Amino acid sequence: MQRLSNAADLDRAVDRLCESAPAMARIAAQSGKIPLRLMPCGFAGLAEVITGQLISKRAAAAIFARIAAACQPLTAEAFLALPDEARAGFGLTRAKQASLEAIALAIIRGDLDLQLVGDLPSDEAIAALTVHRGIGPWTAEVYLMFSAGHIDIFPAGDLALRAAAAHAFSLDRKPDIGMLRALAEAWRPYRAVAARILWAYYAGVMKKDVLPVG
């Protein structure tokens, strides 16, 4: 399975996508530097994505910084070894804290092998992740994009991607998840690259970082 593992991989994939999708080439030309922004594979990367669910990037960064500072390195074992009051004091919602605890326990028990999951084809990897508490399609897709380097995956539930597509393609309204997934079919097998281009484009429009991680 082809992956994005460094900036050169991304540059080549951007060129190939733009050759096959002229509309995306136009957007890329307006987007400046396309971000790679890979994260660690494993519990640390997944914990960062879950922490960022449905809150601002600033809040997510502050909470995750507290978690990472308390667990060096940030592993499932280190997270569960913390006292209950420490995990409760990071600023996570109760649901997110419970999700991270359940995921950490699944890793320790051998019920979730994130390295193995990352090596699966994208559809299988998403299915393997979303059986676990706190991991929906968006979380699974973002984790696989940024921690496992999957190149043909598209988190259509991402609000910034929906807004970016509406602006870039002059749509009357933000596309719903189904509409955006259908639109993204034209960008196979480089949908994760298309997502990065759209995020970079929309970051320029909004004058702020809109990537879901980092």
N, C-alpha and C. Protein backbone atom coordinates (compact mmCIF):
# COMPACT_ATOMS: atom_id res chain seq x y z
N MET A 1 0.84 -1.19 0.00
CA MET A 1 0.00 0.00 0.00
C MET A 1 0.88 1.25 0.00
N GLN A 2 0.59 2.16 -0.92
CA GLN A 2 1.35 3.40 -1.00
C GLN A 2 1.04 4.28 0.21
N ARG A 3 2.07 4.95 0.73
CA ARG A 3 1.89 5.80 1.91
C ARG A 3 2.61 7.12 1.71
N LEU A 4 2.20 8.09 2.52
CA LEU A 4 2.92 9.34 2.63
C LEU A 4 3.80 9.27 3.86
N SER A 5 5.11 9.29 3.67
CA SER A 5 6.01 9.19 4.82
C SER A 5 6.96 10.37 4.95
N ASN A 6 7.00 11.23 3.93
CA ASN A 6 7.88 12.40 4.01
C ASN A 6 7.40 13.45 3.00
N ALA A 7 8.04 14.61 3.03
CA ALA A 7 7.62 15.72 2.17
C ALA A 7 7.78 15.39 0.69
N ALA A 8 8.80 14.61 0.34
CA ALA A 8 8.99 14.25 -1.06
C ALA A 8 7.84 13.38 -1.56
N ASP A 9 7.38 12.45 -0.72
CA ASP A 9 6.21 11.64 -1.09
C ASP A 9 5.01 12.54 -1.37
N LEU A 10 4.80 13.51 -0.50
CA LEU A 10 3.66 14.41 -0.67
C LEU A 10 3.78 15.23 -1.94
N ASP A 11 4.96 15.76 -2.21
CA ASP A 11 5.16 16.57 -3.41
C ASP A 11 4.85 15.75 -4.67
N ARG A 12 5.32 14.51 -4.72
CA ARG A 12 5.05 13.66 -5.88
C ARG A 12 3.56 13.38 -6.02
N ALA A 13 2.91 13.12 -4.90
CA ALA A 13 1.48 12.81 -4.94
C ALA A 13 0.67 14.03 -5.35
N VAL A 14 1.06 15.21 -4.89
CA VAL A 14 0.38 16.44 -5.31
C VAL A 14 0.49 16.60 -6.82
N ASP A 15 1.67 16.38 -7.37
CA ASP A 15 1.87 16.51 -8.82
C ASP A 15 0.98 15.53 -9.58
N ARG A 16 0.91 14.29 -9.12
CA ARG A 16 0.12 13.28 -9.81
C ARG A 16 -1.37 13.59 -9.72
N LEU A 17 -1.82 14.04 -8.56
CA LEU A 17 -3.22 14.40 -8.42
C LEU A 17 -3.57 15.56 -9.33
N CYS A 18 -2.73 16.56 -9.36
CA CYS A 18 -3.01 17.74 -10.17
C CYS A 18 -2.99 17.44 -11.67
N GLU A 19 -2.20 16.46 -12.08
CA GLU A 19 -2.20 16.04 -13.48
C GLU A 19 -3.53 15.41 -13.88
N SER A 20 -4.14 14.69 -12.96
CA SER A 20 -5.37 13.97 -13.27
C SER A 20 -6.63 14.75 -12.93
N ALA A 21 -6.50 15.81 -12.13
CA ALA A 21 -7.67 16.57 -11.68
C ALA A 21 -7.39 18.06 -11.83
N PRO A 22 -7.70 18.65 -13.00
CA PRO A 22 -7.38 20.06 -13.24
C PRO A 22 -8.00 21.01 -12.22
N ALA A 23 -9.20 20.70 -11.75
CA ALA A 23 -9.83 21.58 -10.76
C ALA A 23 -9.01 21.61 -9.47
N MET A 24 -8.48 20.46 -9.09
CA MET A 24 -7.65 20.41 -7.89
C MET A 24 -6.31 21.12 -8.13
N ALA A 25 -5.82 21.06 -9.35
CA ALA A 25 -4.58 21.79 -9.68
C ALA A 25 -4.79 23.29 -9.49
N ARG A 26 -5.95 23.78 -9.89
CA ARG A 26 -6.26 25.21 -9.71
C ARG A 26 -6.27 25.58 -8.23
N ILE A 27 -6.87 24.72 -7.42
CA ILE A 27 -6.94 25.00 -5.98
C ILE A 27 -5.55 24.93 -5.35
N ALA A 28 -4.77 23.93 -5.76
CA ALA A 28 -3.42 23.78 -5.22
C ALA A 28 -2.57 25.01 -5.53
N ALA A 29 -2.78 25.59 -6.71
CA ALA A 29 -2.00 26.76 -7.10
C ALA A 29 -2.29 27.96 -6.21
N GLN A 30 -3.43 27.94 -5.54
CA GLN A 30 -3.82 29.04 -4.65
C GLN A 30 -3.55 28.72 -3.18
N SER A 31 -2.96 27.56 -2.92
CA SER A 31 -2.91 27.06 -1.55
C SER A 31 -1.57 27.21 -0.85
N GLY A 32 -0.54 27.63 -1.56
CA GLY A 32 0.76 27.73 -0.92
C GLY A 32 1.31 26.36 -0.56
N LYS A 33 2.06 26.31 0.53
CA LYS A 33 2.69 25.06 0.95
C LYS A 33 1.64 24.08 1.46
N ILE A 34 1.64 22.87 0.91
CA ILE A 34 0.70 21.83 1.34
C ILE A 34 1.30 21.11 2.54
N PRO A 35 0.61 21.06 3.67
CA PRO A 35 1.20 20.49 4.88
C PRO A 35 1.15 18.97 4.91
N LEU A 36 2.24 18.36 5.36
CA LEU A 36 2.27 16.91 5.58
C LEU A 36 1.83 16.59 7.00
N ARG A 37 2.52 17.14 7.95
CA ARG A 37 2.20 17.11 9.39
C ARG A 37 1.88 15.71 9.91
N LEU A 38 2.82 14.80 9.77
CA LEU A 38 2.63 13.45 10.30
C LEU A 38 2.79 13.44 11.81
N MET A 39 2.07 12.52 12.46
CA MET A 39 2.13 12.34 13.90
C MET A 39 2.63 10.93 14.20
N PRO A 40 2.98 10.66 15.46
CA PRO A 40 3.41 9.30 15.80
C PRO A 40 2.30 8.28 15.56
N CYS A 41 2.70 7.10 15.13
CA CYS A 41 1.75 5.99 15.02
C CYS A 41 1.65 5.34 16.39
N GLY A 42 0.45 5.03 16.81
CA GLY A 42 0.27 4.40 18.11
C GLY A 42 -0.64 5.20 19.01
N PHE A 43 -0.60 4.89 20.29
CA PHE A 43 -1.52 5.51 21.24
C PHE A 43 -1.40 7.02 21.27
N ALA A 44 -0.18 7.55 21.19
CA ALA A 44 0.01 8.99 21.27
C ALA A 44 -0.72 9.72 20.14
N GLY A 45 -0.57 9.22 18.92
CA GLY A 45 -1.24 9.85 17.79
C GLY A 45 -2.75 9.77 17.90
N LEU A 46 -3.25 8.61 18.28
CA LEU A 46 -4.70 8.44 18.41
C LEU A 46 -5.24 9.31 19.54
N ALA A 47 -4.50 9.40 20.64
CA ALA A 47 -4.92 10.24 21.76
C ALA A 47 -5.02 11.70 21.34
N GLU A 48 -4.09 12.15 20.50
CA GLU A 48 -4.15 13.54 20.05
C GLU A 48 -5.39 13.80 19.20
N VAL A 49 -5.73 12.86 18.33
CA VAL A 49 -6.92 13.04 17.49
C VAL A 49 -8.18 13.06 18.36
N ILE A 50 -8.28 12.13 19.29
CA ILE A 50 -9.47 12.07 20.15
C ILE A 50 -9.57 13.33 21.01
N THR A 51 -8.46 13.81 21.51
CA THR A 51 -8.47 15.04 22.31
C THR A 51 -9.04 16.20 21.51
N GLY A 52 -8.77 16.24 20.21
CA GLY A 52 -9.20 17.35 19.37
C GLY A 52 -10.62 17.26 18.85
N GLN A 53 -11.35 16.21 19.20
CA GLN A 53 -12.71 16.07 18.70
C GLN A 53 -13.60 17.23 19.18
N LEU A 54 -14.18 17.96 18.25
CA LEU A 54 -15.26 18.91 18.52
C LEU A 54 -14.87 20.05 19.47
N ILE A 55 -13.60 20.41 19.53
CA ILE A 55 -13.18 21.58 20.30
C ILE A 55 -12.19 22.38 19.47
N SER A 56 -11.90 23.59 19.90
CA SER A 56 -10.98 24.44 19.15
C SER A 56 -9.57 23.87 19.18
N LYS A 57 -8.79 24.24 18.19
CA LYS A 57 -7.40 23.77 18.13
C LYS A 57 -6.62 24.26 19.35
N ARG A 58 -6.88 25.48 19.78
CA ARG A 58 -6.15 26.01 20.93
C ARG A 58 -6.45 25.20 22.19
N ALA A 59 -7.72 24.91 22.42
CA ALA A 59 -8.09 24.12 23.60
C ALA A 59 -7.51 22.72 23.51
N ALA A 60 -7.59 22.12 22.33
CA ALA A 60 -7.06 20.76 22.15
C ALA A 60 -5.56 20.72 22.40
N ALA A 61 -4.85 21.72 21.89
CA ALA A 61 -3.40 21.75 22.07
C ALA A 61 -3.03 21.87 23.55
N ALA A 62 -3.77 22.68 24.28
CA ALA A 62 -3.47 22.86 25.70
C ALA A 62 -3.72 21.58 26.49
N ILE A 63 -4.83 20.92 26.20
CA ILE A 63 -5.16 19.67 26.90
C ILE A 63 -4.15 18.59 26.56
N PHE A 64 -3.84 18.45 25.28
CA PHE A 64 -2.92 17.39 24.88
C PHE A 64 -1.52 17.65 25.43
N ALA A 65 -1.13 18.90 25.52
CA ALA A 65 0.19 19.22 26.09
C ALA A 65 0.27 18.75 27.54
N ARG A 66 -0.82 18.89 28.28
CA ARG A 66 -0.83 18.43 29.67
C ARG A 66 -0.71 16.91 29.73
N ILE A 67 -1.42 16.22 28.84
CA ILE A 67 -1.34 14.76 28.81
C ILE A 67 0.08 14.31 28.48
N ALA A 68 0.65 14.91 27.43
CA ALA A 68 2.00 14.51 26.99
C ALA A 68 3.05 14.81 28.06
N ALA A 69 2.87 15.90 28.79
CA ALA A 69 3.84 16.25 29.83
C ALA A 69 3.78 15.26 31.00
N ALA A 70 2.60 14.71 31.24
CA ALA A 70 2.44 13.76 32.35
C ALA A 70 2.88 12.35 31.99
N CYS A 71 2.94 12.06 30.70
CA CYS A 71 3.29 10.71 30.23
C CYS A 71 4.44 10.81 29.24
N GLN A 72 5.62 10.55 29.68
CA GLN A 72 6.79 10.64 28.79
C GLN A 72 7.56 9.32 28.82
N PRO A 73 7.42 8.53 27.75
CA PRO A 73 6.64 8.78 26.53
C PRO A 73 5.16 8.50 26.75
N LEU A 74 4.33 9.03 25.85
CA LEU A 74 2.89 8.84 25.94
C LEU A 74 2.52 7.49 25.34
N THR A 75 2.36 6.52 26.20
CA THR A 75 1.98 5.17 25.79
C THR A 75 0.71 4.79 26.53
N ALA A 76 0.07 3.72 26.07
CA ALA A 76 -1.12 3.23 26.75
C ALA A 76 -0.81 2.87 28.20
N GLU A 77 0.33 2.23 28.40
CA GLU A 77 0.71 1.82 29.75
C GLU A 77 0.92 3.03 30.66
N ALA A 78 1.61 4.04 30.15
CA ALA A 78 1.88 5.23 30.96
C ALA A 78 0.60 5.98 31.29
N PHE A 79 -0.32 6.03 30.33
CA PHE A 79 -1.58 6.74 30.57
C PHE A 79 -2.39 6.06 31.66
N LEU A 80 -2.51 4.75 31.59
CA LEU A 80 -3.29 4.04 32.60
C LEU A 80 -2.59 3.98 33.94
N ALA A 81 -1.28 4.14 33.96
CA ALA A 81 -0.55 4.12 35.22
C ALA A 81 -0.74 5.40 36.03
N LEU A 82 -1.25 6.44 35.41
CA LEU A 82 -1.49 7.69 36.13
C LEU A 82 -2.61 7.50 37.15
N PRO A 83 -2.56 8.23 38.26
CA PRO A 83 -3.69 8.20 39.20
C PRO A 83 -4.97 8.70 38.53
N ASP A 84 -6.10 8.21 38.98
CA ASP A 84 -7.38 8.62 38.40
C ASP A 84 -7.54 10.13 38.42
N GLU A 85 -7.12 10.77 39.52
CA GLU A 85 -7.30 12.21 39.62
C GLU A 85 -6.43 12.96 38.63
N ALA A 86 -5.30 12.38 38.25
CA ALA A 86 -4.44 13.02 37.24
C ALA A 86 -5.12 12.99 35.88
N ARG A 87 -5.66 11.84 35.50
CA ARG A 87 -6.35 11.75 34.20
C ARG A 87 -7.58 12.65 34.17
N ALA A 88 -8.24 12.79 35.32
CA ALA A 88 -9.43 13.64 35.38
C ALA A 88 -9.08 15.12 35.35
N GLY A 89 -7.81 15.46 35.60
CA GLY A 89 -7.42 16.85 35.68
C GLY A 89 -6.87 17.45 34.40
N PHE A 90 -6.84 16.68 33.33
CA PHE A 90 -6.26 17.19 32.08
C PHE A 90 -7.17 18.18 31.35
N GLY A 91 -8.48 18.12 31.63
CA GLY A 91 -9.43 18.96 30.91
C GLY A 91 -10.22 18.21 29.87
N LEU A 92 -10.02 16.90 29.78
CA LEU A 92 -10.82 16.08 28.88
C LEU A 92 -12.26 15.99 29.39
N THR A 93 -13.20 15.86 28.46
CA THR A 93 -14.55 15.52 28.90
C THR A 93 -14.53 14.12 29.48
N ARG A 94 -15.56 13.81 30.25
CA ARG A 94 -15.63 12.47 30.82
C ARG A 94 -15.68 11.41 29.72
N ALA A 95 -16.38 11.73 28.63
CA ALA A 95 -16.49 10.77 27.53
C ALA A 95 -15.13 10.53 26.88
N LYS A 96 -14.37 11.60 26.65
CA LYS A 96 -13.05 11.43 26.04
C LYS A 96 -12.09 10.70 26.97
N GLN A 97 -12.15 11.04 28.25
CA GLN A 97 -11.29 10.34 29.21
C GLN A 97 -11.61 8.85 29.22
N ALA A 98 -12.91 8.52 29.25
CA ALA A 98 -13.31 7.12 29.25
C ALA A 98 -12.88 6.42 27.97
N SER A 99 -12.96 7.13 26.84
CA SER A 99 -12.55 6.55 25.56
C SER A 99 -11.06 6.25 25.56
N LEU A 100 -10.25 7.20 26.02
CA LEU A 100 -8.80 6.97 26.05
C LEU A 100 -8.44 5.85 27.00
N GLU A 101 -9.13 5.75 28.11
CA GLU A 101 -8.87 4.66 29.05
C GLU A 101 -9.22 3.32 28.42
N ALA A 102 -10.37 3.27 27.73
CA ALA A 102 -10.79 2.01 27.09
C ALA A 102 -9.84 1.62 25.97
N ILE A 103 -9.40 2.59 25.19
CA ILE A 103 -8.47 2.30 24.09
C ILE A 103 -7.12 1.85 24.64
N ALA A 104 -6.64 2.52 25.68
CA ALA A 104 -5.37 2.12 26.29
C ALA A 104 -5.45 0.69 26.81
N LEU A 105 -6.57 0.36 27.45
CA LEU A 105 -6.74 -0.99 27.97
C LEU A 105 -6.80 -2.01 26.83
N ALA A 106 -7.48 -1.66 25.73
CA ALA A 106 -7.54 -2.57 24.58
C ALA A 106 -6.16 -2.81 24.00
N ILE A 107 -5.33 -1.78 23.96
CA ILE A 107 -3.96 -1.94 23.46
C ILE A 107 -3.16 -2.87 24.37
N ILE A 108 -3.26 -2.65 25.66
CA ILE A 108 -2.50 -3.46 26.62
C ILE A 108 -2.94 -4.92 26.57
N ARG A 109 -4.23 -5.14 26.40
CA ARG A 109 -4.76 -6.51 26.36
C ARG A 109 -4.49 -7.20 25.03
N GLY A 110 -4.06 -6.44 24.04
CA GLY A 110 -3.82 -7.02 22.72
C GLY A 110 -5.03 -7.03 21.83
N ASP A 111 -6.10 -6.35 22.25
CA ASP A 111 -7.31 -6.29 21.43
C ASP A 111 -7.22 -5.23 20.34
N LEU A 112 -6.25 -4.34 20.44
CA LEU A 112 -6.05 -3.29 19.44
C LEU A 112 -4.56 -3.12 19.21
N ASP A 113 -4.12 -3.48 18.02
CA ASP A 113 -2.72 -3.33 17.62
C ASP A 113 -2.68 -2.23 16.56
N LEU A 114 -2.31 -1.03 16.97
CA LEU A 114 -2.37 0.11 16.05
C LEU A 114 -1.37 0.00 14.91
N GLN A 115 -0.24 -0.65 15.13
CA GLN A 115 0.71 -0.86 14.05
C GLN A 115 0.11 -1.77 12.99
N LEU A 116 -0.51 -2.85 13.43
CA LEU A 116 -1.15 -3.78 12.51
C LEU A 116 -2.31 -3.12 11.79
N VAL A 117 -3.12 -2.38 12.52
CA VAL A 117 -4.25 -1.69 11.90
C VAL A 117 -3.77 -0.70 10.85
N GLY A 118 -2.70 0.01 11.14
CA GLY A 118 -2.18 0.98 10.18
C GLY A 118 -1.70 0.36 8.89
N ASP A 119 -1.35 -0.92 8.92
CA ASP A 119 -0.88 -1.62 7.73
C ASP A 119 -2.02 -2.19 6.88
N LEU A 120 -3.25 -2.14 7.40
CA LEU A 120 -4.39 -2.68 6.66
C LEU A 120 -4.81 -1.71 5.55
N PRO A 121 -5.51 -2.21 4.51
CA PRO A 121 -6.15 -1.31 3.56
C PRO A 121 -7.09 -0.35 4.31
N SER A 122 -7.28 0.83 3.78
CA SER A 122 -7.98 1.88 4.52
C SER A 122 -9.36 1.46 5.01
N ASP A 123 -10.18 0.84 4.16
CA ASP A 123 -11.52 0.46 4.58
C ASP A 123 -11.48 -0.53 5.74
N GLU A 124 -10.56 -1.48 5.68
CA GLU A 124 -10.43 -2.46 6.75
C GLU A 124 -9.91 -1.80 8.02
N ALA A 125 -8.99 -0.87 7.87
CA ALA A 125 -8.43 -0.19 9.03
C ALA A 125 -9.49 0.65 9.73
N ILE A 126 -10.32 1.34 8.96
CA ILE A 126 -11.40 2.13 9.55
C ILE A 126 -12.36 1.23 10.31
N ALA A 127 -12.71 0.11 9.72
CA ALA A 127 -13.61 -0.83 10.38
C ALA A 127 -13.01 -1.36 11.67
N ALA A 128 -11.71 -1.64 11.67
CA ALA A 128 -11.05 -2.17 12.86
C ALA A 128 -10.98 -1.13 13.97
N LEU A 129 -10.86 0.12 13.61
CA LEU A 129 -10.77 1.18 14.62
C LEU A 129 -12.13 1.56 15.19
N THR A 130 -13.14 1.62 14.35
CA THR A 130 -14.43 2.16 14.79
C THR A 130 -15.23 1.20 15.66
N VAL A 131 -14.75 0.01 15.89
CA VAL A 131 -15.42 -0.87 16.86
C VAL A 131 -15.08 -0.46 18.29
N HIS A 132 -14.10 0.42 18.45
CA HIS A 132 -13.67 0.81 19.79
C HIS A 132 -14.35 2.10 20.22
N ARG A 133 -14.61 2.19 21.50
CA ARG A 133 -15.30 3.33 22.08
C ARG A 133 -14.55 4.63 21.77
N GLY A 134 -15.31 5.63 21.33
CA GLY A 134 -14.73 6.94 21.10
C GLY A 134 -14.09 7.14 19.74
N ILE A 135 -14.10 6.10 18.91
CA ILE A 135 -13.50 6.22 17.57
C ILE A 135 -14.61 6.10 16.53
N GLY A 136 -15.00 7.24 15.97
CA GLY A 136 -15.94 7.25 14.86
C GLY A 136 -15.19 7.36 13.55
N PRO A 137 -15.93 7.48 12.44
CA PRO A 137 -15.26 7.55 11.14
C PRO A 137 -14.26 8.69 11.02
N TRP A 138 -14.63 9.89 11.49
CA TRP A 138 -13.71 11.03 11.37
C TRP A 138 -12.42 10.76 12.12
N THR A 139 -12.52 10.28 13.35
CA THR A 139 -11.33 10.01 14.16
C THR A 139 -10.45 8.95 13.50
N ALA A 140 -11.08 7.88 13.01
CA ALA A 140 -10.32 6.82 12.35
C ALA A 140 -9.62 7.35 11.10
N GLU A 141 -10.34 8.12 10.30
CA GLU A 141 -9.77 8.62 9.05
C GLU A 141 -8.63 9.60 9.30
N VAL A 142 -8.81 10.50 10.25
CA VAL A 142 -7.75 11.48 10.55
C VAL A 142 -6.53 10.77 11.11
N TYR A 143 -6.74 9.80 12.01
CA TYR A 143 -5.60 9.05 12.55
C TYR A 143 -4.85 8.34 11.43
N LEU A 144 -5.56 7.66 10.55
CA LEU A 144 -4.90 6.91 9.48
C LEU A 144 -4.17 7.83 8.50
N MET A 145 -4.72 9.00 8.26
CA MET A 145 -4.05 9.97 7.39
C MET A 145 -2.75 10.47 7.98
N PHE A 146 -2.81 10.90 9.24
CA PHE A 146 -1.69 11.63 9.81
C PHE A 146 -0.74 10.78 10.64
N SER A 147 -1.18 9.62 11.10
CA SER A 147 -0.29 8.75 11.87
C SER A 147 0.19 7.54 11.08
N ALA A 148 -0.64 7.05 10.17
CA ALA A 148 -0.27 5.86 9.40
C ALA A 148 0.08 6.20 7.95
N GLY A 149 -0.10 7.45 7.55
CA GLY A 149 0.32 7.88 6.22
C GLY A 149 -0.54 7.37 5.08
N HIS A 150 -1.79 6.98 5.38
CA HIS A 150 -2.66 6.49 4.30
C HIS A 150 -2.87 7.61 3.28
N ILE A 151 -2.79 7.25 2.02
CA ILE A 151 -2.81 8.26 0.96
C ILE A 151 -4.17 8.40 0.28
N ASP A 152 -5.02 7.38 0.41
CA ASP A 152 -6.32 7.41 -0.27
C ASP A 152 -7.44 7.28 0.75
N ILE A 153 -7.58 8.30 1.55
CA ILE A 153 -8.59 8.32 2.61
C ILE A 153 -9.07 9.76 2.73
N PHE A 154 -10.35 9.96 3.04
CA PHE A 154 -10.90 11.32 3.00
C PHE A 154 -11.91 11.50 4.13
N PRO A 155 -11.59 12.32 5.15
CA PRO A 155 -12.51 12.53 6.27
C PRO A 155 -13.61 13.52 5.93
N ALA A 156 -14.62 13.04 5.22
CA ALA A 156 -15.66 13.92 4.69
C ALA A 156 -16.50 14.57 5.78
N GLY A 157 -16.42 14.06 7.01
CA GLY A 157 -17.15 14.68 8.10
C GLY A 157 -16.45 15.89 8.69
N ASP A 158 -15.27 16.21 8.23
CA ASP A 158 -14.52 17.34 8.77
C ASP A 158 -15.18 18.65 8.35
N LEU A 159 -15.51 19.50 9.32
CA LEU A 159 -16.24 20.73 9.03
C LEU A 159 -15.42 21.68 8.16
N ALA A 160 -14.12 21.76 8.41
CA ALA A 160 -13.29 22.66 7.60
C ALA A 160 -13.19 22.17 6.16
N LEU A 161 -13.14 20.87 5.95
CA LEU A 161 -13.12 20.34 4.58
C LEU A 161 -14.42 20.65 3.85
N ARG A 162 -15.53 20.53 4.55
CA ARG A 162 -16.82 20.84 3.92
C ARG A 162 -16.89 22.32 3.54
N ALA A 163 -16.44 23.18 4.45
CA ALA A 163 -16.43 24.61 4.15
C ALA A 163 -15.45 24.93 3.03
N ALA A 164 -14.30 24.27 3.04
CA ALA A 164 -13.30 24.50 1.99
C ALA A 164 -13.83 24.12 0.62
N ALA A 165 -14.50 22.97 0.54
CA ALA A 165 -15.05 22.52 -0.74
C ALA A 165 -16.11 23.49 -1.24
N ALA A 166 -16.96 23.97 -0.34
CA ALA A 166 -18.00 24.91 -0.74
C ALA A 166 -17.38 26.18 -1.31
N HIS A 167 -16.34 26.68 -0.67
CA HIS A 167 -15.70 27.91 -1.12
C HIS A 167 -14.91 27.68 -2.40
N ALA A 168 -14.14 26.60 -2.45
CA ALA A 168 -13.26 26.36 -3.60
C ALA A 168 -14.04 26.08 -4.88
N PHE A 169 -15.17 25.39 -4.74
CA PHE A 169 -15.95 25.01 -5.92
C PHE A 169 -17.19 25.87 -6.10
N SER A 170 -17.29 26.97 -5.35
CA SER A 170 -18.40 27.93 -5.47
C SER A 170 -19.76 27.24 -5.37
N LEU A 171 -19.89 26.38 -4.37
CA LEU A 171 -21.15 25.68 -4.14
C LEU A 171 -22.12 26.60 -3.40
N ASP A 172 -23.42 26.34 -3.57
CA ASP A 172 -24.43 27.16 -2.92
C ASP A 172 -24.44 26.98 -1.40
N ARG A 173 -24.01 25.82 -0.95
CA ARG A 173 -23.99 25.53 0.48
C ARG A 173 -22.90 24.51 0.76
N LYS A 174 -22.60 24.33 2.04
CA LYS A 174 -21.62 23.31 2.40
C LYS A 174 -22.15 21.94 2.01
N PRO A 175 -21.35 21.13 1.35
CA PRO A 175 -21.81 19.77 1.01
C PRO A 175 -21.96 18.94 2.28
N ASP A 176 -22.96 18.07 2.29
CA ASP A 176 -23.05 17.14 3.40
C ASP A 176 -22.01 16.04 3.21
N ILE A 177 -21.95 15.14 4.17
CA ILE A 177 -20.90 14.12 4.13
C ILE A 177 -21.01 13.27 2.87
N GLY A 178 -22.22 12.87 2.52
CA GLY A 178 -22.41 12.05 1.33
C GLY A 178 -22.00 12.76 0.06
N MET A 179 -22.37 14.03 -0.05
CA MET A 179 -22.00 14.81 -1.23
C MET A 179 -20.50 14.97 -1.35
N LEU A 180 -19.85 15.22 -0.21
CA LEU A 180 -18.40 15.43 -0.25
C LEU A 180 -17.67 14.13 -0.56
N ARG A 181 -18.15 13.02 -0.03
CA ARG A 181 -17.54 11.73 -0.37
C ARG A 181 -17.68 11.47 -1.87
N ALA A 182 -18.84 11.77 -2.42
CA ALA A 182 -19.04 11.57 -3.86
C ALA A 182 -18.10 12.45 -4.67
N LEU A 183 -17.94 13.70 -4.25
CA LEU A 183 -17.03 14.61 -4.93
C LEU A 183 -15.59 14.09 -4.87
N ALA A 184 -15.23 13.53 -3.73
CA ALA A 184 -13.85 13.07 -3.52
C ALA A 184 -13.51 11.82 -4.33
N GLU A 185 -14.51 11.13 -4.85
CA GLU A 185 -14.24 9.94 -5.66
C GLU A 185 -13.35 10.28 -6.85
N ALA A 186 -13.48 11.49 -7.36
CA ALA A 186 -12.68 11.91 -8.52
C ALA A 186 -11.20 12.05 -8.18
N TRP A 187 -10.87 12.06 -6.89
CA TRP A 187 -9.48 12.29 -6.48
C TRP A 187 -8.77 11.01 -6.07
N ARG A 188 -9.42 9.86 -6.22
CA ARG A 188 -8.73 8.60 -5.98
C ARG A 188 -7.58 8.45 -6.98
N PRO A 189 -6.48 7.83 -6.60
CA PRO A 189 -6.14 7.24 -5.30
C PRO A 189 -5.36 8.18 -4.39
N TYR A 190 -5.66 9.49 -4.50
CA TYR A 190 -4.90 10.49 -3.73
C TYR A 190 -5.85 11.36 -2.91
N ARG A 191 -6.87 10.76 -2.32
CA ARG A 191 -7.86 11.58 -1.61
C ARG A 191 -7.27 12.27 -0.38
N ALA A 192 -6.32 11.63 0.30
CA ALA A 192 -5.69 12.29 1.46
C ALA A 192 -4.88 13.50 1.03
N VAL A 193 -4.36 13.46 -0.17
CA VAL A 193 -3.62 14.60 -0.72
C VAL A 193 -4.61 15.72 -1.06
N ALA A 194 -5.74 15.35 -1.65
CA ALA A 194 -6.77 16.35 -1.95
C ALA A 194 -7.25 17.02 -0.68
N ALA A 195 -7.42 16.24 0.38
CA ALA A 195 -7.85 16.82 1.66
C ALA A 195 -6.83 17.84 2.16
N ARG A 196 -5.56 17.50 2.06
CA ARG A 196 -4.51 18.43 2.50
C ARG A 196 -4.52 19.71 1.67
N ILE A 197 -4.75 19.58 0.37
CA ILE A 197 -4.82 20.76 -0.49
C ILE A 197 -5.99 21.64 -0.08
N LEU A 198 -7.15 21.03 0.16
CA LEU A 198 -8.32 21.81 0.56
C LEU A 198 -8.11 22.49 1.91
N TRP A 199 -7.50 21.79 2.86
CA TRP A 199 -7.20 22.42 4.15
C TRP A 199 -6.26 23.60 3.96
N ALA A 200 -5.22 23.42 3.14
CA ALA A 200 -4.27 24.51 2.90
C ALA A 200 -4.95 25.69 2.23
N TYR A 201 -5.81 25.40 1.27
CA TYR A 201 -6.56 26.46 0.58
C TYR A 201 -7.42 27.23 1.57
N TYR A 202 -8.15 26.50 2.40
CA TYR A 202 -9.08 27.15 3.33
C TYR A 202 -8.33 27.90 4.43
N ALA A 203 -7.16 27.40 4.80
CA ALA A 203 -6.33 28.12 5.77
C ALA A 203 -5.97 29.50 5.23
N GLY A 204 -5.70 29.58 3.92
CA GLY A 204 -5.42 30.87 3.31
C GLY A 204 -6.63 31.77 3.30
N VAL A 205 -7.79 31.21 3.05
CA VAL A 205 -9.03 31.99 3.05
C VAL A 205 -9.32 32.54 4.44
N MET A 206 -9.20 31.68 5.44
CA MET A 206 -9.57 32.04 6.81
C MET A 206 -8.43 32.70 7.59
N LYS A 207 -7.22 32.67 7.03
CA LYS A 207 -6.05 33.24 7.70
C LYS A 207 -5.76 32.57 9.04
N LYS A 208 -5.98 31.26 9.09
CA LYS A 208 -5.65 30.51 10.30
C LYS A 208 -5.49 29.04 9.95
N ASP A 209 -4.81 28.32 10.81
CA ASP A 209 -4.59 26.89 10.61
C ASP A 209 -5.90 26.14 10.81
N VAL A 210 -6.29 25.33 9.84
CA VAL A 210 -7.56 24.59 9.96
C VAL A 210 -7.35 23.08 9.93
N LEU A 211 -6.11 22.62 9.88
CA LEU A 211 -5.88 21.18 9.93
C LEU A 211 -6.37 20.62 11.26
N PRO A 212 -6.87 19.39 11.26
CA PRO A 212 -7.41 18.84 12.51
C PRO A 212 -6.35 18.41 13.50
N VAL A 213 -5.08 18.41 13.13
CA VAL A 213 -4.01 17.99 14.03
C VAL A 213 -2.87 19.00 13.98
N GLY A 214 -2.03 18.96 15.02
CA GLY A 214 -0.82 19.77 15.02
C GLY A 214 -1.03 21.22 15.40
